[in-house]
Each structure stands twice: as structure tokens, then as C-alpha cells.
N, C-alpha and C. Protein backbone atom coordinates (compact mmCIF):
# COMPACT_ATOMS: atom_id res chain seq x y z
N LEU A 1 108.53 121.71 91.91
CA LEU A 1 109.35 121.82 92.93
C LEU A 1 110.61 120.99 93.08
N THR A 2 111.81 122.31 93.24
CA THR A 2 113.06 121.78 92.92
C THR A 2 113.63 122.84 93.91
N LEU A 3 114.40 121.85 94.63
CA LEU A 3 115.22 122.31 95.79
C LEU A 3 116.81 122.24 95.60
N GLU A 4 117.39 123.10 96.30
CA GLU A 4 118.86 123.33 95.90
C GLU A 4 119.30 122.14 96.35
N ASN A 5 120.57 121.41 96.06
CA ASN A 5 121.20 120.58 96.55
C ASN A 5 122.59 121.21 97.04
N SER A 6 122.69 121.13 98.34
CA SER A 6 123.90 122.00 98.86
C SER A 6 124.63 121.05 99.70
N GLY A 7 124.22 119.68 100.20
CA GLY A 7 124.85 118.65 100.89
C GLY A 7 125.92 117.59 100.31
N SER A 8 126.21 116.56 100.80
CA SER A 8 127.27 115.59 100.38
C SER A 8 126.69 114.99 99.07
N VAL A 9 127.42 115.17 97.94
CA VAL A 9 127.06 114.82 96.77
C VAL A 9 126.98 113.10 96.82
N ALA A 10 127.96 112.62 97.05
CA ALA A 10 128.25 111.12 97.24
C ALA A 10 126.82 110.50 97.88
N ARG A 11 126.60 111.24 99.19
CA ARG A 11 125.44 110.89 99.93
C ARG A 11 124.13 110.90 99.16
N ASP A 12 123.93 111.83 98.49
CA ASP A 12 122.72 112.05 97.61
C ASP A 12 122.81 111.04 96.47
N HIS A 13 123.65 110.48 95.98
CA HIS A 13 123.35 109.65 94.73
C HIS A 13 123.28 108.33 95.70
N LEU A 14 123.86 108.27 96.67
CA LEU A 14 123.63 106.68 97.19
C LEU A 14 122.49 106.40 97.83
N ALA A 15 121.60 107.71 98.16
CA ALA A 15 120.24 107.80 98.87
C ALA A 15 119.44 107.45 97.93
N SER A 16 119.90 107.93 96.50
CA SER A 16 118.85 107.47 95.06
C SER A 16 118.85 106.42 94.69
N GLU A 17 120.05 105.72 94.93
CA GLU A 17 120.39 104.26 94.47
C GLU A 17 119.26 103.50 95.66
N ARG A 18 119.49 103.96 96.66
CA ARG A 18 118.47 103.16 97.68
C ARG A 18 117.11 103.33 97.51
N THR A 19 117.00 104.56 97.09
CA THR A 19 115.70 104.67 96.91
C THR A 19 115.06 103.86 95.75
N PHE A 20 115.93 103.58 94.33
CA PHE A 20 115.83 102.76 93.42
C PHE A 20 115.32 101.44 93.85
N LEU A 21 116.29 100.89 94.52
CA LEU A 21 116.05 99.49 94.86
C LEU A 21 114.66 99.64 95.84
N ALA A 22 114.16 100.55 96.50
CA ALA A 22 113.14 100.25 97.08
C ALA A 22 111.96 100.22 96.53
N TYR A 23 112.12 101.00 95.18
CA TYR A 23 111.03 100.79 94.46
C TYR A 23 111.07 99.42 93.48
N ALA A 24 112.18 99.01 93.37
CA ALA A 24 112.33 97.47 93.12
C ALA A 24 111.92 96.57 93.75
N ARG A 25 112.14 96.57 94.92
CA ARG A 25 111.38 95.88 96.34
C ARG A 25 110.12 95.73 96.06
N THR A 26 109.62 97.09 96.15
CA THR A 26 108.20 97.42 95.91
C THR A 26 107.37 96.80 94.94
N SER A 27 107.89 96.76 93.96
CA SER A 27 107.48 96.11 92.65
C SER A 27 107.36 94.69 92.52
N LEU A 28 108.32 94.12 93.12
CA LEU A 28 108.46 92.66 93.42
C LEU A 28 107.31 92.07 94.46
N THR A 29 107.19 92.95 95.58
CA THR A 29 106.37 92.32 96.22
C THR A 29 104.69 92.54 95.62
N ILE A 30 104.59 93.71 94.98
CA ILE A 30 103.38 93.84 94.47
C ILE A 30 103.10 92.91 93.68
N ALA A 31 103.77 92.37 92.21
CA ALA A 31 103.78 91.53 91.62
C ALA A 31 103.61 89.86 92.01
N SER A 32 104.31 90.11 93.26
CA SER A 32 104.02 88.57 93.95
C SER A 32 102.92 88.60 94.74
N THR A 33 102.39 89.25 95.11
CA THR A 33 100.91 89.62 95.57
C THR A 33 99.78 89.23 94.79
N GLY A 34 99.87 89.88 93.43
CA GLY A 34 99.14 89.44 92.30
C GLY A 34 99.25 87.89 91.84
N VAL A 35 100.18 87.16 92.01
CA VAL A 35 100.49 85.95 91.78
C VAL A 35 99.76 84.82 93.09
N ALA A 36 99.76 85.58 94.06
CA ALA A 36 99.54 84.92 95.73
C ALA A 36 97.86 85.23 95.20
N LEU A 37 97.53 86.11 95.02
CA LEU A 37 95.88 86.61 95.20
C LEU A 37 95.43 85.61 93.85
N VAL A 38 95.95 85.26 93.07
CA VAL A 38 95.53 84.10 91.95
C VAL A 38 95.02 82.97 92.48
N GLN A 39 96.26 82.41 93.41
CA GLN A 39 96.63 81.02 93.66
C GLN A 39 95.48 81.18 94.55
N LEU A 40 95.08 82.25 95.65
CA LEU A 40 94.41 81.67 96.84
C LEU A 40 92.74 81.85 96.16
N PHE A 41 92.53 82.90 95.16
CA PHE A 41 91.15 83.01 95.03
C PHE A 41 90.89 81.31 94.11
N MET A 42 91.85 80.66 93.30
CA MET A 42 91.86 79.35 92.44
C MET A 42 91.19 78.65 93.84
N LEU A 43 92.07 78.52 94.82
CA LEU A 43 91.90 77.74 95.97
C LEU A 43 90.38 77.69 96.39
N SER A 44 89.96 78.71 96.64
CA SER A 44 88.75 79.44 96.92
C SER A 44 87.62 79.17 96.10
N ALA A 45 87.86 79.18 95.00
CA ALA A 45 86.87 78.64 93.71
C ALA A 45 86.42 77.39 93.98
N VAL A 46 87.03 76.30 94.39
CA VAL A 46 86.49 75.23 94.62
C VAL A 46 84.93 75.22 95.40
N THR A 47 85.02 76.33 96.49
CA THR A 47 83.56 76.37 97.01
C THR A 47 83.00 77.47 96.68
N ASN A 48 83.55 78.44 95.64
CA ASN A 48 82.64 79.80 95.18
C ASN A 48 83.21 79.94 93.93
N GLN A 49 82.03 79.64 93.05
CA GLN A 49 82.86 79.64 91.59
C GLN A 49 82.85 81.08 91.01
N HIS A 50 82.15 82.19 91.97
CA HIS A 50 82.26 83.49 91.65
C HIS A 50 83.80 84.00 91.36
N LEU A 51 84.36 83.65 92.59
CA LEU A 51 85.67 84.15 92.33
C LEU A 51 86.74 83.86 91.57
N GLU A 52 86.26 82.51 90.67
CA GLU A 52 87.35 82.10 89.83
C GLU A 52 87.51 83.31 88.78
N ARG A 53 85.97 83.70 88.65
CA ARG A 53 85.89 84.95 87.14
C ARG A 53 87.01 85.80 87.52
N TYR A 54 87.04 86.46 88.93
CA TYR A 54 87.88 87.82 89.20
C TYR A 54 89.18 87.21 89.47
N ALA A 55 89.52 85.98 89.53
CA ALA A 55 91.12 85.80 90.37
C ALA A 55 92.20 86.16 89.11
N ARG A 56 91.81 85.88 87.69
CA ARG A 56 92.99 86.20 87.02
C ARG A 56 93.03 87.51 86.41
N PRO A 57 92.08 88.26 86.25
CA PRO A 57 92.01 89.54 86.06
C PRO A 57 92.56 90.57 87.17
N LEU A 58 92.18 90.18 88.52
CA LEU A 58 92.93 90.71 89.64
C LEU A 58 94.43 90.37 89.67
N GLY A 59 94.97 89.23 89.45
CA GLY A 59 96.16 88.98 89.62
C GLY A 59 96.95 89.84 88.36
N ALA A 60 96.38 89.91 87.15
CA ALA A 60 96.84 90.58 85.96
C ALA A 60 97.28 91.93 86.27
N VAL A 61 96.01 92.53 86.98
CA VAL A 61 96.16 94.30 87.61
C VAL A 61 97.36 94.21 88.52
N MET A 62 97.40 93.37 89.36
CA MET A 62 98.77 93.48 90.40
C MET A 62 100.38 93.50 89.69
N ILE A 63 100.08 92.66 88.84
CA ILE A 63 101.53 92.52 88.24
C ILE A 63 101.56 93.50 87.14
N VAL A 64 100.76 94.30 86.82
CA VAL A 64 101.03 95.13 86.08
C VAL A 64 101.49 96.32 86.55
N LEU A 65 100.51 96.59 87.85
CA LEU A 65 100.92 97.69 88.76
C LEU A 65 102.43 97.55 89.25
N GLY A 66 102.96 96.07 89.25
CA GLY A 66 104.00 95.91 89.80
C GLY A 66 105.49 96.39 88.91
N LEU A 67 104.65 96.15 87.63
CA LEU A 67 105.87 96.70 86.71
C LEU A 67 105.64 98.65 86.13
N PHE A 68 104.47 98.59 86.51
CA PHE A 68 104.30 100.48 86.43
C PHE A 68 105.35 100.56 87.55
N THR A 69 105.45 100.09 88.94
CA THR A 69 106.17 100.62 90.13
C THR A 69 107.41 100.51 89.58
N LEU A 70 107.88 99.48 89.00
CA LEU A 70 109.34 99.39 88.73
C LEU A 70 109.93 100.65 87.44
N ALA A 71 108.83 100.49 86.65
CA ALA A 71 109.01 102.07 85.56
C ALA A 71 109.34 103.14 86.33
N ILE A 72 108.31 103.40 86.88
CA ILE A 72 108.39 105.04 87.82
C ILE A 72 109.84 104.73 88.62
N GLY A 73 110.49 103.77 89.25
CA GLY A 73 111.19 103.66 90.08
C GLY A 73 112.58 104.18 89.07
N VAL A 74 112.46 103.30 87.89
CA VAL A 74 113.47 103.56 87.02
C VAL A 74 113.65 104.79 86.21
N LEU A 75 112.55 105.59 85.96
CA LEU A 75 112.34 106.74 85.63
C LEU A 75 112.72 108.03 86.83
N ARG A 76 112.36 107.61 87.64
CA ARG A 76 112.78 108.57 88.66
C ARG A 76 114.49 108.37 89.15
N TYR A 77 114.95 107.21 89.16
CA TYR A 77 116.07 107.26 89.42
C TYR A 77 116.99 108.06 88.46
N PHE A 78 116.62 108.03 87.00
CA PHE A 78 117.47 108.75 85.89
C PHE A 78 117.49 110.15 86.39
N LEU A 79 115.97 110.52 86.32
CA LEU A 79 115.74 111.79 86.86
C LEU A 79 116.76 112.50 87.78
N ILE A 80 116.52 111.86 89.06
CA ILE A 80 117.20 112.40 90.10
C ILE A 80 118.83 112.29 90.01
N GLN A 81 119.33 111.23 89.28
CA GLN A 81 120.87 111.43 88.89
C GLN A 81 120.99 112.55 88.03
N ASP A 82 120.31 112.73 87.04
CA ASP A 82 120.24 114.28 86.31
C ASP A 82 120.44 115.53 87.14
N ALA A 83 118.91 115.53 87.99
CA ALA A 83 119.21 116.57 88.88
C ALA A 83 120.02 116.81 89.66
N LEU A 84 120.61 115.74 90.16
CA LEU A 84 121.36 115.81 91.31
C LEU A 84 123.16 116.24 90.45
N ILE A 85 123.08 115.86 89.26
CA ILE A 85 124.21 116.73 88.68
C ILE A 85 124.09 118.25 88.62
N ARG A 86 123.08 118.62 88.21
CA ARG A 86 122.90 119.75 88.10
C ARG A 86 122.60 120.63 89.46
N GLY A 87 122.76 119.89 90.51
CA GLY A 87 122.54 120.26 91.91
C GLY A 87 121.28 120.94 92.29
N LYS A 88 120.36 120.16 92.07
CA LYS A 88 118.82 120.65 92.14
C LYS A 88 118.33 119.16 92.61
N TYR A 89 117.07 119.14 93.20
CA TYR A 89 116.39 117.75 93.69
C TYR A 89 114.86 117.83 93.33
N PRO A 90 114.54 117.30 92.32
CA PRO A 90 112.78 117.42 92.19
C PRO A 90 112.09 116.43 93.27
N VAL A 91 111.09 116.92 93.79
CA VAL A 91 110.38 116.46 94.96
C VAL A 91 109.05 115.40 94.24
N ALA A 92 108.85 113.97 94.31
CA ALA A 92 107.91 113.32 93.94
C ALA A 92 106.88 113.58 94.59
N ARG A 93 105.75 113.89 93.98
CA ARG A 93 104.48 113.85 94.50
C ARG A 93 103.57 113.18 93.86
N LEU A 94 103.63 113.36 92.40
CA LEU A 94 102.17 112.48 91.69
C LEU A 94 102.62 111.44 91.65
N SER A 95 103.86 110.78 91.31
CA SER A 95 104.21 109.65 91.29
C SER A 95 103.33 108.82 92.65
N THR A 96 103.94 109.34 93.65
CA THR A 96 103.79 108.24 95.00
C THR A 96 101.91 108.41 95.28
N SER A 97 101.45 109.85 94.72
CA SER A 97 100.02 109.78 94.97
C SER A 97 99.40 108.98 94.23
N VAL A 98 100.11 108.71 92.80
CA VAL A 98 99.01 108.04 91.87
C VAL A 98 99.27 106.29 92.40
N LEU A 99 100.30 105.93 92.95
CA LEU A 99 100.38 104.50 93.51
C LEU A 99 99.73 104.54 94.49
N SER A 100 99.52 105.10 95.60
CA SER A 100 99.07 105.01 96.88
C SER A 100 97.47 105.04 96.65
N PHE A 101 97.09 105.93 95.40
CA PHE A 101 95.51 105.85 95.38
C PHE A 101 95.39 104.61 94.34
N VAL A 102 96.11 103.80 93.53
CA VAL A 102 95.49 102.56 92.89
C VAL A 102 95.79 101.62 93.88
N MET A 103 96.57 101.34 94.71
CA MET A 103 96.82 100.39 95.63
C MET A 103 95.71 100.45 96.76
N LEU A 104 95.41 101.57 97.41
CA LEU A 104 94.11 101.85 97.87
C LEU A 104 92.93 101.33 97.41
N ALA A 105 92.78 101.72 95.98
CA ALA A 105 91.84 101.10 95.40
C ALA A 105 91.57 99.77 95.03
N ILE A 106 92.77 98.78 94.90
CA ILE A 106 92.48 97.44 94.87
C ILE A 106 92.43 96.67 95.89
N VAL A 107 92.81 97.36 97.22
CA VAL A 107 92.54 96.79 98.48
C VAL A 107 91.07 96.83 98.70
N ILE A 108 90.11 97.98 98.30
CA ILE A 108 88.89 98.10 98.47
C ILE A 108 88.30 97.04 97.71
N VAL A 109 88.80 96.78 96.39
CA VAL A 109 87.92 96.21 95.63
C VAL A 109 88.46 94.56 96.19
N VAL A 110 89.33 94.22 96.81
CA VAL A 110 89.71 92.78 97.35
C VAL A 110 88.73 92.76 98.45
N LEU A 111 88.64 93.65 99.12
CA LEU A 111 87.80 93.31 100.49
C LEU A 111 86.54 93.29 100.17
């Protein structure tokens, strides 16, 4: 799906930069959550040995998901910049759906 870009060009480019920064903040938050989960599970592992087995893999998955989010943000930023130059705007549906589904799956696993 591609929409015509008939608004202010400067406004659109600045909005694209803000969106990229939002992807960067989100990726940092996801990776930080992975580190926090590892620390929390290691502290809880003193009383429950089964949690220690899942702590590092879950933390690694969260860090990789954070890096994946950053990669999507970078790719999307350059895709949008190119599209805005051509006067178009591609709508993001797949990347946001995949990230939402993976985050939901991780929340379900942690609970």
C-alpha cells in the first residue's frame, strides 16, 4: 500500500526521523528488559533452580529482539526517506505485526 505524499516535505522527513528515534528507544528498552529479566531470574534462582535454566536464553532472546527492532527501524527509516523523495509513503503493516506478535509470545512465556 502506497499513499500520495501531498503535504509538507520537511514535516514528513522530521516525522520519519522521530519514528526512527522511537524504534531506537523501543529497541533499547527491549534489550534492557532482557538484561533485567536475567538478573531477576538469577536472584530468584536461589530459591527455585528451574528458573536459572531459562534466565539466560530468555535474556538472549530479548536482546536479539531488541537488535531486530533496531534493524527494522533503520531499514524502515531509509525506505521511508527514499519513498518520500519519490512522493510516496509505504504503510508499515508486516513489521509492526511481527514485532507485536513476538512480544506477546514472550510475555505469555514469562507469565
